[in-house]
Amino acid sequence: MIGKLFEAGGIVMWPLLLCSVLTIGLAVERVRFWLLLSRQQPLIREVFKLYRQNNMVGVISQVRQHADLPVMRIFLSAFELERPTPDKFRLALESEALAEIPRLRRFNNVFESIVGLGPLLGLLGTILGLIRSFRGLNIGDVGGSKTTAVTAGISEALFATACGMIVAILALLAANTFRALFEHQISKIQEYGGQLEILYRDRYEEEGERAYASTL
């Protein structure tokens, strides 16, 4: 059955099969990635708690232990600076956040390409199938056995278009889902980065005031 459908769809069924396998495989990888990121929030709360307690040893240990998470890598880039000013601390957070964007958007371009390519491949398969069906039709044979074969060939050729649409729909669902997760993660990175920057600025100013008071 599958062999007949592939024969009906023509040669474009093979790239469509590749696109479908690629879509499913990359979607599974992205699902695993985003499930990993779902454990960030309680860890970040623990980091903020330790930071408010001035337990920098615990903060650094916690961040390095979970450096496989994007927000932790962003925090680590700022914590590893040697007594930075608040502006340098903020720049370190922003620079590392920009470096994380490609990892968060990984494979989105592939999904978007398959969304556009799938229907075009399906349409190409249908056109090739129609050409193949009409090639054996004689004008004087209208209503004969060859006409019946052509009609059957057309219905089978349309299978390529249906397959192309299915592949494109799957890729579109994946692209939209992971784009929404990306945008949500970016907003969280900005939120957590802003909170950490405020905590660091307050601590920096307090240390400056204590240093000034000690000189009086």
C-alpha atoms as a PDB file:
ATOM      1  CA  MET A   1       0.000   0.000   0.000  1.00  0.00           C
ATOM      2  CA  ILE A   2       2.710   2.460   0.993  1.00  0.00           C
ATOM      3  CA  GLY A   3       4.730   1.510  -2.075  1.00  0.00           C
ATOM      4  CA  LYS A   4       1.767   2.296  -4.344  1.00  0.00           C
ATOM      5  CA  LEU A   5       1.245   5.663  -2.669  1.00  0.00           C
ATOM      6  CA  PHE A   6       4.910   6.528  -3.121  1.00  0.00           C
ATOM      7  CA  GLU A   7       4.639   5.486  -6.758  1.00  0.00           C
ATOM      8  CA  ALA A   8       1.562   7.672  -7.192  1.00  0.00           C
ATOM      9  CA  GLY A   9       3.188  10.680  -5.539  1.00  0.00           C
ATOM     10  CA  GLY A  10       6.295  10.327  -7.630  1.00  0.00           C
ATOM     11  CA  ILE A  11       9.865  11.181  -6.873  1.00  0.00           C
ATOM     12  CA  VAL A  12       8.940  14.135  -4.636  1.00  0.00           C
ATOM     13  CA  MET A  13       7.659  11.702  -2.018  1.00  0.00           C
ATOM     14  CA  TRP A  14      11.253  11.003  -0.984  1.00  0.00           C
ATOM     15  CA  PRO A  15      12.137  14.614  -0.099  1.00  0.00           C
ATOM     16  CA  LEU A  16       8.739  14.868   1.611  1.00  0.00           C
ATOM     17  CA  LEU A  17       9.605  11.795   3.644  1.00  0.00           C
ATOM     18  CA  LEU A  18      12.944  13.373   4.540  1.00  0.00           C
ATOM     19  CA  CYS A  19      11.191  16.593   5.587  1.00  0.00           C
ATOM     20  CA  SER A  20       8.719  14.696   7.769  1.00  0.00           C
ATOM     21  CA  VAL A  21      11.458  12.662   9.472  1.00  0.00           C
ATOM     22  CA  LEU A  22      13.512  15.829   9.964  1.00  0.00           C
ATOM     23  CA  THR A  23      10.537  17.675  11.446  1.00  0.00           C
ATOM     24  CA  ILE A  24       9.731  14.895  13.902  1.00  0.00           C
ATOM     25  CA  GLY A  25      13.357  14.337  14.903  1.00  0.00           C
ATOM     26  CA  LEU A  26      14.124  18.016  15.487  1.00  0.00           C
ATOM     27  CA  ALA A  27      10.816  18.507  17.303  1.00  0.00           C
ATOM     28  CA  VAL A  28      11.706  15.700  19.726  1.00  0.00           C
ATOM     29  CA  GLU A  29      15.105  17.312  20.378  1.00  0.00           C
ATOM     30  CA  ARG A  30      13.491  20.695  21.029  1.00  0.00           C
ATOM     31  CA  VAL A  31      10.877  19.188  23.359  1.00  0.00           C
ATOM     32  CA  ARG A  32      13.643  17.604  25.427  1.00  0.00           C
ATOM     33  CA  PHE A  33      15.484  20.941  25.491  1.00  0.00           C
ATOM     34  CA  TRP A  34      12.487  22.917  26.713  1.00  0.00           C
ATOM     35  CA  LEU A  35      11.602  20.282  29.288  1.00  0.00           C
ATOM     36  CA  LEU A  36      15.130  20.707  30.658  1.00  0.00           C
ATOM     37  CA  LEU A  37      14.562  24.445  30.955  1.00  0.00           C
ATOM     38  CA  SER A  38      11.361  23.918  32.956  1.00  0.00           C
ATOM     39  CA  ARG A  39      13.462  23.252  36.083  1.00  0.00           C
ATOM     40  CA  GLN A  40      15.086  26.700  35.989  1.00  0.00           C
ATOM     41  CA  GLN A  41      12.645  28.684  38.110  1.00  0.00           C
ATOM     42  CA  PRO A  42      13.118  26.992  41.532  1.00  0.00           C
ATOM     43  CA  LEU A  43      16.900  26.997  41.016  1.00  0.00           C
ATOM     44  CA  ILE A  44      16.914  30.711  40.227  1.00  0.00           C
ATOM     45  CA  ARG A  45      14.832  31.422  43.329  1.00  0.00           C
ATOM     46  CA  GLU A  46      17.424  29.548  45.374  1.00  0.00           C
ATOM     47  CA  VAL A  47      20.216  31.626  43.809  1.00  0.00           C
ATOM     48  CA  PHE A  48      18.415  34.861  44.690  1.00  0.00           C
ATOM     49  CA  LYS A  49      17.823  33.607  48.236  1.00  0.00           C
ATOM     50  CA  LEU A  50      21.515  32.805  48.721  1.00  0.00           C
ATOM     51  CA  TYR A  51      22.511  36.139  47.184  1.00  0.00           C
ATOM     52  CA  ARG A  52      20.281  38.092  49.578  1.00  0.00           C
ATOM     53  CA  GLN A  53      21.981  36.195  52.425  1.00  0.00           C
ATOM     54  CA  ASN A  54      25.390  37.314  51.068  1.00  0.00           C
ATOM     55  CA  ASN A  55      26.320  33.643  50.636  1.00  0.00           C
ATOM     56  CA  MET A  56      28.411  34.140  47.501  1.00  0.00           C
ATOM     57  CA  VAL A  57      30.115  30.762  47.867  1.00  0.00           C
ATOM     58  CA  GLY A  58      26.722  29.084  47.724  1.00  0.00           C
ATOM     59  CA  VAL A  59      25.637  31.295  44.826  1.00  0.00           C
ATOM     60  CA  ILE A  60      28.680  30.489  42.682  1.00  0.00           C
ATOM     61  CA  SER A  61      28.426  26.793  43.555  1.00  0.00           C
ATOM     62  CA  GLN A  62      24.747  26.666  42.614  1.00  0.00           C
ATOM     63  CA  VAL A  63      25.267  28.545  39.354  1.00  0.00           C
ATOM     64  CA  ARG A  64      28.222  26.433  38.248  1.00  0.00           C
ATOM     65  CA  GLN A  65      26.453  23.219  39.183  1.00  0.00           C
ATOM     66  CA  HIS A  66      23.592  24.069  36.828  1.00  0.00           C
ATOM     67  CA  ALA A  67      25.573  25.773  34.070  1.00  0.00           C
ATOM     68  CA  ASP A  68      23.710  23.647  31.512  1.00  0.00           C
ATOM     69  CA  LEU A  69      20.784  26.080  31.881  1.00  0.00           C
ATOM     70  CA  PRO A  70      20.797  29.370  29.904  1.00  0.00           C
ATOM     71  CA  VAL A  71      19.950  31.698  32.800  1.00  0.00           C
ATOM     72  CA  MET A  72      22.642  30.122  34.982  1.00  0.00           C
ATOM     73  CA  ARG A  73      25.243  30.669  32.253  1.00  0.00           C
ATOM     74  CA  ILE A  74      24.145  34.299  32.004  1.00  0.00           C
ATOM     75  CA  PHE A  75      24.472  34.762  35.768  1.00  0.00           C
ATOM     76  CA  LEU A  76      27.853  33.033  35.809  1.00  0.00           C
ATOM     77  CA  SER A  77      29.300  35.382  33.196  1.00  0.00           C
ATOM     78  CA  ALA A  78      28.570  38.340  35.513  1.00  0.00           C
ATOM     79  CA  PHE A  79      29.595  36.654  38.767  1.00  0.00           C
ATOM     80  CA  GLU A  80      33.003  35.721  37.358  1.00  0.00           C
ATOM     81  CA  LEU A  81      33.936  39.402  36.908  1.00  0.00           C
ATOM     82  CA  GLU A  82      36.360  40.868  39.442  1.00  0.00           C
ATOM     83  CA  ARG A  83      34.391  43.470  41.453  1.00  0.00           C
ATOM     84  CA  PRO A  84      32.664  45.023  38.438  1.00  0.00           C
ATOM     85  CA  THR A  85      30.776  48.284  38.486  1.00  0.00           C
ATOM     86  CA  PRO A  86      26.987  47.993  38.090  1.00  0.00           C
ATOM     87  CA  ASP A  87      27.315  49.044  34.451  1.00  0.00           C
ATOM     88  CA  LYS A  88      29.909  46.335  33.694  1.00  0.00           C
ATOM     89  CA  PHE A  89      27.783  43.809  35.561  1.00  0.00           C
ATOM     90  CA  ARG A  90      24.780  44.733  33.412  1.00  0.00           C
ATOM     91  CA  LEU A  91      26.826  44.572  30.205  1.00  0.00           C
ATOM     92  CA  ALA A  92      28.050  41.086  31.118  1.00  0.00           C
ATOM     93  CA  LEU A  93      24.458  39.921  31.627  1.00  0.00           C
ATOM     94  CA  GLU A  94      23.292  41.465  28.351  1.00  0.00           C
ATOM     95  CA  SER A  95      26.225  40.111  26.321  1.00  0.00           C
ATOM     96  CA  GLU A  96      25.748  36.556  27.536  1.00  0.00           C
ATOM     97  CA  ALA A  97      21.977  36.825  27.018  1.00  0.00           C
ATOM     98  CA  LEU A  98      22.594  37.711  23.367  1.00  0.00           C
ATOM     99  CA  ALA A  99      24.930  34.717  23.063  1.00  0.00           C
ATOM    100  CA  GLU A 100      22.137  32.433  24.314  1.00  0.00           C
ATOM    101  CA  ILE A 101      19.624  33.512  21.666  1.00  0.00           C
ATOM    102  CA  PRO A 102      20.926  31.199  18.888  1.00  0.00           C
ATOM    103  CA  ARG A 103      20.707  28.210  21.256  1.00  0.00           C
ATOM    104  CA  LEU A 104      17.128  29.077  22.182  1.00  0.00           C
ATOM    105  CA  ARG A 105      16.095  29.576  18.537  1.00  0.00           C
ATOM    106  CA  ARG A 106      17.881  26.483  17.275  1.00  0.00           C
ATOM    107  CA  PHE A 107      16.199  24.752  14.297  1.00  0.00           C
ATOM    108  CA  ASN A 108      13.467  27.414  13.985  1.00  0.00           C
ATOM    109  CA  ASN A 109      14.735  28.302  10.506  1.00  0.00           C
ATOM    110  CA  VAL A 110      14.601  24.627   9.533  1.00  0.00           C
ATOM    111  CA  PHE A 111      10.953  24.356  10.586  1.00  0.00           C
ATOM    112  CA  GLU A 112      10.072  27.548   8.722  1.00  0.00           C
ATOM    113  CA  SER A 113      11.844  26.299   5.585  1.00  0.00           C
ATOM    114  CA  ILE A 114       9.886  23.030   5.690  1.00  0.00           C
ATOM    115  CA  VAL A 115       6.634  24.999   6.084  1.00  0.00           C
ATOM    116  CA  GLY A 116       7.320  26.695   2.759  1.00  0.00           C
ATOM    117  CA  LEU A 117       8.920  23.718   1.021  1.00  0.00           C
ATOM    118  CA  GLY A 118       6.321  21.046   1.874  1.00  0.00           C
ATOM    119  CA  PRO A 119       3.377  22.430  -0.157  1.00  0.00           C
ATOM    120  CA  LEU A 120       5.661  23.273  -3.091  1.00  0.00           C
ATOM    121  CA  LEU A 121       7.012  19.726  -3.215  1.00  0.00           C
ATOM    122  CA  GLY A 122       3.486  18.355  -2.970  1.00  0.00           C
ATOM    123  CA  LEU A 123       2.325  20.592  -5.816  1.00  0.00           C
ATOM    124  CA  LEU A 124       5.308  19.574  -7.916  1.00  0.00           C
ATOM    125  CA  GLY A 125       4.478  15.912  -7.319  1.00  0.00           C
ATOM    126  CA  THR A 126       0.892  16.477  -8.405  1.00  0.00           C
ATOM    127  CA  ILE A 127       1.947  18.283 -11.580  1.00  0.00           C
ATOM    128  CA  LEU A 128       4.392  15.531 -12.473  1.00  0.00           C
ATOM    129  CA  GLY A 129       1.679  12.949 -11.793  1.00  0.00           C
ATOM    130  CA  LEU A 130      -0.797  14.772 -14.048  1.00  0.00           C
ATOM    131  CA  ILE A 131       1.764  14.997 -16.828  1.00  0.00           C
ATOM    132  CA  ARG A 132       2.394  11.286 -16.480  1.00  0.00           C
ATOM    133  CA  SER A 133      -1.354  10.526 -16.523  1.00  0.00           C
ATOM    134  CA  PHE A 134      -2.215  12.662 -19.545  1.00  0.00           C
ATOM    135  CA  ARG A 135       0.773  11.488 -21.520  1.00  0.00           C
ATOM    136  CA  GLY A 136      -0.953   8.223 -22.414  1.00  0.00           C
ATOM    137  CA  LEU A 137      -4.340   9.796 -23.221  1.00  0.00           C
ATOM    138  CA  ASN A 138      -5.476  10.044 -26.853  1.00  0.00           C
ATOM    139  CA  ILE A 139      -8.030  12.684 -27.800  1.00  0.00           C
ATOM    140  CA  GLY A 140     -10.119  10.115 -29.630  1.00  0.00           C
ATOM    141  CA  ASP A 141     -10.229   7.826 -26.631  1.00  0.00           C
ATOM    142  CA  VAL A 142     -12.337  10.131 -24.438  1.00  0.00           C
ATOM    143  CA  GLY A 143     -14.650   7.990 -22.331  1.00  0.00           C
ATOM    144  CA  GLY A 144     -12.634   4.867 -22.972  1.00  0.00           C
ATOM    145  CA  SER A 145     -10.452   2.753 -20.736  1.00  0.00           C
ATOM    146  CA  LYS A 146      -7.549   5.184 -20.906  1.00  0.00           C
ATOM    147  CA  THR A 147      -9.754   8.007 -19.624  1.00  0.00           C
ATOM    148  CA  THR A 148     -10.631   5.906 -16.580  1.00  0.00           C
ATOM    149  CA  ALA A 149      -6.953   5.268 -15.960  1.00  0.00           C
ATOM    150  CA  VAL A 150      -6.233   8.999 -16.231  1.00  0.00           C
ATOM    151  CA  THR A 151      -8.968   9.800 -13.696  1.00  0.00           C
ATOM    152  CA  ALA A 152      -7.497   7.284 -11.276  1.00  0.00           C
ATOM    153  CA  GLY A 153      -4.045   8.702 -11.911  1.00  0.00           C
ATOM    154  CA  ILE A 154      -5.211  12.229 -11.086  1.00  0.00           C
ATOM    155  CA  SER A 155      -6.687  11.166  -7.747  1.00  0.00           C
ATOM    156  CA  GLU A 156      -3.474   9.361  -6.908  1.00  0.00           C
ATOM    157  CA  ALA A 157      -1.312  12.285  -8.012  1.00  0.00           C
ATOM    158  CA  LEU A 158      -3.197  14.597  -5.623  1.00  0.00           C
ATOM    159  CA  PHE A 159      -1.833  12.438  -2.810  1.00  0.00           C
ATOM    160  CA  ALA A 160       1.501  14.256  -3.172  1.00  0.00           C
ATOM    161  CA  THR A 161      -0.181  17.603  -2.470  1.00  0.00           C
ATOM    162  CA  ALA A 162      -1.948  16.152   0.568  1.00  0.00           C
ATOM    163  CA  CYS A 163       1.347  14.807   1.915  1.00  0.00           C
ATOM    164  CA  GLY A 164       3.052  18.142   1.331  1.00  0.00           C
ATOM    165  CA  MET A 165       0.306  19.960   3.253  1.00  0.00           C
ATOM    166  CA  ILE A 166       0.494  17.494   6.150  1.00  0.00           C
ATOM    167  CA  VAL A 167       4.267  17.904   6.430  1.00  0.00           C
ATOM    168  CA  ALA A 168       3.916  21.712   6.278  1.00  0.00           C
ATOM    169  CA  ILE A 169       1.212  21.716   8.968  1.00  0.00           C
ATOM    170  CA  LEU A 170       3.356  19.628  11.310  1.00  0.00           C
ATOM    171  CA  ALA A 171       6.344  21.919  10.752  1.00  0.00           C
ATOM    172  CA  LEU A 172       4.159  25.006  11.264  1.00  0.00           C
ATOM    173  CA  LEU A 173       2.835  23.691  14.578  1.00  0.00           C
ATOM    174  CA  ALA A 174       6.389  22.968  15.729  1.00  0.00           C
ATOM    175  CA  ALA A 175       7.683  26.364  14.577  1.00  0.00           C
ATOM    176  CA  ASN A 176       4.892  28.308  16.302  1.00  0.00           C
ATOM    177  CA  THR A 177       5.161  26.294  19.510  1.00  0.00           C
ATOM    178  CA  PHE A 178       8.912  26.713  19.840  1.00  0.00           C
ATOM    179  CA  ARG A 179       8.725  30.378  18.833  1.00  0.00           C
ATOM    180  CA  ALA A 180       6.266  30.989  21.680  1.00  0.00           C
ATOM    181  CA  LEU A 181       8.554  29.165  24.118  1.00  0.00           C
ATOM    182  CA  PHE A 182      11.501  31.229  22.871  1.00  0.00           C
ATOM    183  CA  GLU A 183       9.678  34.520  23.399  1.00  0.00           C
ATOM    184  CA  HIS A 184       8.576  33.423  26.871  1.00  0.00           C
ATOM    185  CA  GLN A 185      12.134  32.445  27.768  1.00  0.00           C
ATOM    186  CA  ILE A 186      13.510  35.782  26.545  1.00  0.00           C
ATOM    187  CA  SER A 187      11.033  37.631  28.760  1.00  0.00           C
ATOM    188  CA  LYS A 188      12.088  35.477  31.721  1.00  0.00           C
ATOM    189  CA  ILE A 189      15.770  36.146  31.037  1.00  0.00           C
ATOM    190  CA  GLN A 190      15.074  39.888  31.023  1.00  0.00           C
ATOM    191  CA  GLU A 191      13.072  39.568  34.248  1.00  0.00           C
ATOM    192  CA  TYR A 192      15.684  37.513  36.103  1.00  0.00           C
ATOM    193  CA  GLY A 193      18.545  39.623  34.747  1.00  0.00           C
ATOM    194  CA  GLY A 194      16.816  42.804  35.899  1.00  0.00           C
ATOM    195  CA  GLN A 195      16.225  41.389  39.388  1.00  0.00           C
ATOM    196  CA  LEU A 196      19.851  40.316  39.716  1.00  0.00           C
ATOM    197  CA  GLU A 197      21.079  43.684  38.483  1.00  0.00           C
ATOM    198  CA  ILE A 198      18.986  45.486  41.118  1.00  0.00           C
ATOM    199  CA  LEU A 199      20.305  43.210  43.874  1.00  0.00           C
ATOM    200  CA  TYR A 200      23.885  43.738  42.746  1.00  0.00           C
ATOM    201  CA  ARG A 201      23.471  47.503  42.454  1.00  0.00           C
ATOM    202  CA  ASP A 202      22.026  47.716  45.984  1.00  0.00           C
ATOM    203  CA  ARG A 203      24.865  45.599  47.347  1.00  0.00           C
ATOM    204  CA  TYR A 204      27.479  47.628  45.467  1.00  0.00           C
ATOM    205  CA  GLU A 205      26.091  50.888  46.842  1.00  0.00           C
ATOM    206  CA  GLU A 206      25.960  49.494  50.382  1.00  0.00           C
ATOM    207  CA  GLU A 207      29.582  48.395  50.167  1.00  0.00           C
ATOM    208  CA  GLY A 208      30.531  51.826  48.846  1.00  0.00           C
ATOM    209  CA  GLU A 209      28.724  53.546  51.723  1.00  0.00           C
ATOM    210  CA  ARG A 210      30.427  51.299  54.296  1.00  0.00           C
ATOM    211  CA  ALA A 211      33.814  51.955  52.726  1.00  0.00           C
ATOM    212  CA  TYR A 212      33.174  55.686  52.802  1.00  0.00           C
ATOM    213  CA  ALA A 213      31.983  55.564  56.424  1.00  0.00           C
ATOM    214  CA  SER A 214      35.114  53.672  57.475  1.00  0.00           C
ATOM    215  CA  THR A 215      37.301  56.521  56.189  1.00  0.00           C
ATOM    216  CA  LEU A 216      35.578  59.109  58.357  1.00  0.00           C
END
